[in-house]
Protein backbone atom coordinates (compact mmCIF):
# COMPACT_ATOMS: atom_id res chain seq x y z
CA UNK A 1 -27.79 43.41 7.40
CA UNK A 2 -24.33 44.73 8.23
CA UNK A 3 -24.60 43.26 11.71
CA UNK A 4 -25.26 39.79 10.26
CA UNK A 5 -22.17 40.00 8.05
CA UNK A 6 -19.97 41.10 10.94
CA UNK A 7 -21.33 38.28 13.14
CA UNK A 8 -20.50 35.68 10.47
CA UNK A 9 -17.05 37.17 9.99
CA UNK A 10 -16.35 36.95 13.73
CA UNK A 11 -17.39 33.29 13.76
CA UNK A 12 -15.13 32.63 10.75
CA UNK A 13 -12.18 34.31 12.45
CA UNK A 14 -12.83 32.34 15.64
CA UNK A 15 -12.94 29.09 13.67
CA UNK A 16 -9.66 29.84 11.93
CA UNK A 17 -7.97 30.78 15.21
CA UNK A 18 -9.37 27.65 16.88
CA UNK A 19 -8.20 25.36 14.09
CA UNK A 20 -4.78 27.01 14.01
CA UNK A 21 -4.49 26.59 17.79
CA UNK A 22 -5.43 22.89 17.52
CA UNK A 23 -2.86 22.33 14.76
CA UNK A 24 -0.12 23.96 16.84
CA UNK A 25 -1.05 21.91 19.91
CA UNK A 26 -1.17 18.73 17.78
CA UNK A 27 2.26 19.37 16.26
CA UNK A 28 3.81 19.94 19.67
CA UNK A 29 2.01 16.92 21.15
CA UNK A 30 3.04 14.53 18.35
CA UNK A 31 6.58 15.89 18.28
CA UNK A 32 6.89 15.43 22.04
CA UNK A 33 5.50 11.91 21.88
CA UNK A 34 7.96 10.92 19.13
CA UNK A 35 10.84 12.48 21.06
CA UNK A 36 9.89 10.77 24.32
CA UNK A 37 9.37 7.37 22.67
CA UNK A 38 12.63 7.63 20.74
CA UNK A 39 14.62 8.67 23.79
CA UNK A 40 13.04 5.94 25.92
CA UNK A 41 13.44 3.07 23.45
CA UNK A 42 16.06 3.62 20.75
CA UNK A 43 19.14 4.30 22.92
CA UNK A 44 18.42 1.16 24.97
CA UNK A 45 17.57 -1.15 22.08
CA UNK A 46 19.80 0.03 19.24
CA UNK A 47 22.38 2.21 21.06
CA UNK A 48 21.31 5.30 19.10
CA UNK A 49 21.78 8.85 20.41
CA UNK A 50 19.09 10.91 22.10
CA UNK A 51 17.18 13.38 19.91
CA UNK A 52 15.70 16.79 20.55
CA UNK A 53 12.25 18.15 19.83
CA UNK A 54 13.10 19.56 16.38
CA UNK A 55 14.78 16.32 15.34
CA UNK A 56 11.64 14.47 16.44
CA UNK A 57 9.51 16.77 14.29
CA UNK A 58 11.85 16.13 11.36
CA UNK A 59 11.58 12.39 11.94
CA UNK A 60 7.79 12.67 12.08
CA UNK A 61 7.76 14.63 8.81
CA UNK A 62 10.10 12.12 7.17
CA UNK A 63 7.84 9.23 8.22
CA UNK A 64 4.82 11.10 6.86
CA UNK A 65 6.52 11.64 3.51
CA UNK A 66 7.79 8.07 3.21
CA UNK A 67 4.70 6.21 4.35
CA UNK A 68 1.72 8.30 3.28
CA UNK A 69 2.75 11.24 1.13
CA UNK A 70 0.76 14.45 1.00
CA UNK A 71 -2.37 13.28 -0.79
CA UNK A 72 -5.62 14.51 0.66
CA UNK A 73 -8.99 12.84 0.90
CA UNK A 74 -9.94 9.19 1.12
CA UNK A 75 -7.09 7.14 -0.25
CA UNK A 76 -8.43 3.70 -1.10
CA UNK A 77 -12.11 4.33 -1.60
CA UNK A 78 -11.91 6.05 -4.99
CA UNK A 79 -9.95 3.12 -6.40
CA UNK A 80 -12.50 0.60 -5.15
CA UNK A 81 -15.39 2.70 -6.45
CA UNK A 82 -13.79 3.16 -9.87
CA UNK A 83 -13.12 -0.59 -10.13
CA UNK A 84 -16.75 -1.37 -9.27
CA UNK A 85 -17.92 1.17 -11.83
CA UNK A 86 -15.62 -0.28 -14.48
CA UNK A 87 -16.85 -3.80 -13.73
CA UNK A 88 -20.47 -2.68 -13.96
CA UNK A 89 -19.83 -1.11 -17.37
CA UNK A 90 -18.36 -4.33 -18.82
CA UNK A 91 -20.40 -6.68 -20.93
CA UNK A 92 -20.69 -10.29 -19.68
CA UNK A 93 -18.22 -11.37 -22.39
CA UNK A 94 -15.69 -8.77 -21.23
CA UNK A 95 -16.19 -9.86 -17.61
CA UNK A 96 -15.53 -13.49 -18.52
CA UNK A 97 -12.45 -12.54 -20.54
CA UNK A 98 -11.21 -10.49 -17.57
CA UNK A 99 -11.78 -13.43 -15.18
CA UNK A 100 -9.92 -15.83 -17.47
CA UNK A 101 -6.97 -13.48 -17.97
CA UNK A 102 -6.55 -12.77 -14.25
CA UNK A 103 -7.13 -16.41 -13.44
CA UNK A 104 -4.28 -17.23 -15.79
CA UNK A 105 -2.02 -14.51 -14.33
CA UNK A 106 -2.78 -15.18 -10.68
CA UNK A 107 -2.82 -18.96 -10.55
CA UNK A 108 -1.14 -20.61 -7.62
CA UNK A 109 2.30 -22.06 -8.40
CA UNK A 110 1.41 -25.54 -7.13
CA UNK A 111 -2.18 -25.72 -8.30
CA UNK A 112 -3.26 -28.63 -10.55
CA UNK A 113 -3.16 -26.26 -13.55
CA UNK A 114 0.49 -25.38 -12.98
CA UNK A 115 1.73 -28.74 -14.28
CA UNK A 116 0.73 -27.73 -17.79
CA UNK A 117 3.23 -25.92 -19.94
CA UNK A 118 2.49 -22.80 -21.89
CA UNK A 119 3.19 -22.67 -25.57
CA UNK A 120 4.80 -19.67 -27.29
CA UNK A 121 1.52 -17.72 -27.44
CA UNK A 122 1.05 -17.89 -23.66
CA UNK A 123 -1.94 -20.24 -23.76
CA UNK A 124 -1.89 -23.52 -21.92
CA UNK A 125 -1.35 -26.83 -23.65
CA UNK A 126 -3.15 -29.95 -22.49
CA UNK A 127 -0.02 -32.02 -22.10
CA UNK A 128 1.69 -32.15 -18.74
CA UNK A 129 5.16 -30.68 -18.51
CA UNK A 130 7.94 -33.25 -18.86
CA UNK A 131 9.33 -34.32 -15.55
CA UNK A 132 12.83 -33.06 -15.08
CA UNK A 133 14.96 -35.16 -12.78
CA UNK A 134 18.70 -35.49 -12.41
CA UNK A 135 20.37 -38.37 -14.14
CA UNK A 136 20.98 -41.35 -11.87
CA UNK A 137 24.72 -42.05 -11.79
CA UNK A 138 24.10 -45.76 -11.13
CA UNK A 139 21.77 -46.34 -14.07
CA UNK A 140 22.91 -48.13 -17.23
CA UNK A 141 21.50 -45.43 -19.51
CA UNK A 142 24.04 -42.82 -18.44
CA UNK A 143 27.00 -45.16 -19.09
CA UNK A 144 26.13 -45.76 -22.78
């Protein structure tokens, strides 16, 4: 029994060392790639100075923070799954109300419905919006 525990512990230690080694190699590889790409492109294109390895790692970390953050796990899937679950839990009346509300909010600006004005409550009226055009300086109406 003790032998089995020691064998599992050795495998666990090997896994940790292997993963740590891969992380170190990955950091150095990505840092080197960023440094080489920066030094090959940026001074020529934008007349920026050359950077060193540690500056490249800092740039890589900054890009990670700005563009993806430090969240773990699948990023978009939980949102999609929760939306599907919420939709499935709605009654047909709630689904229709949701469709109408988002149809009202997300209408295209030049769709046939956009020519209708909204009254103070936010609902559409059936009368087309009055045409607004500049006054014609040559017309007789403006001289009266």
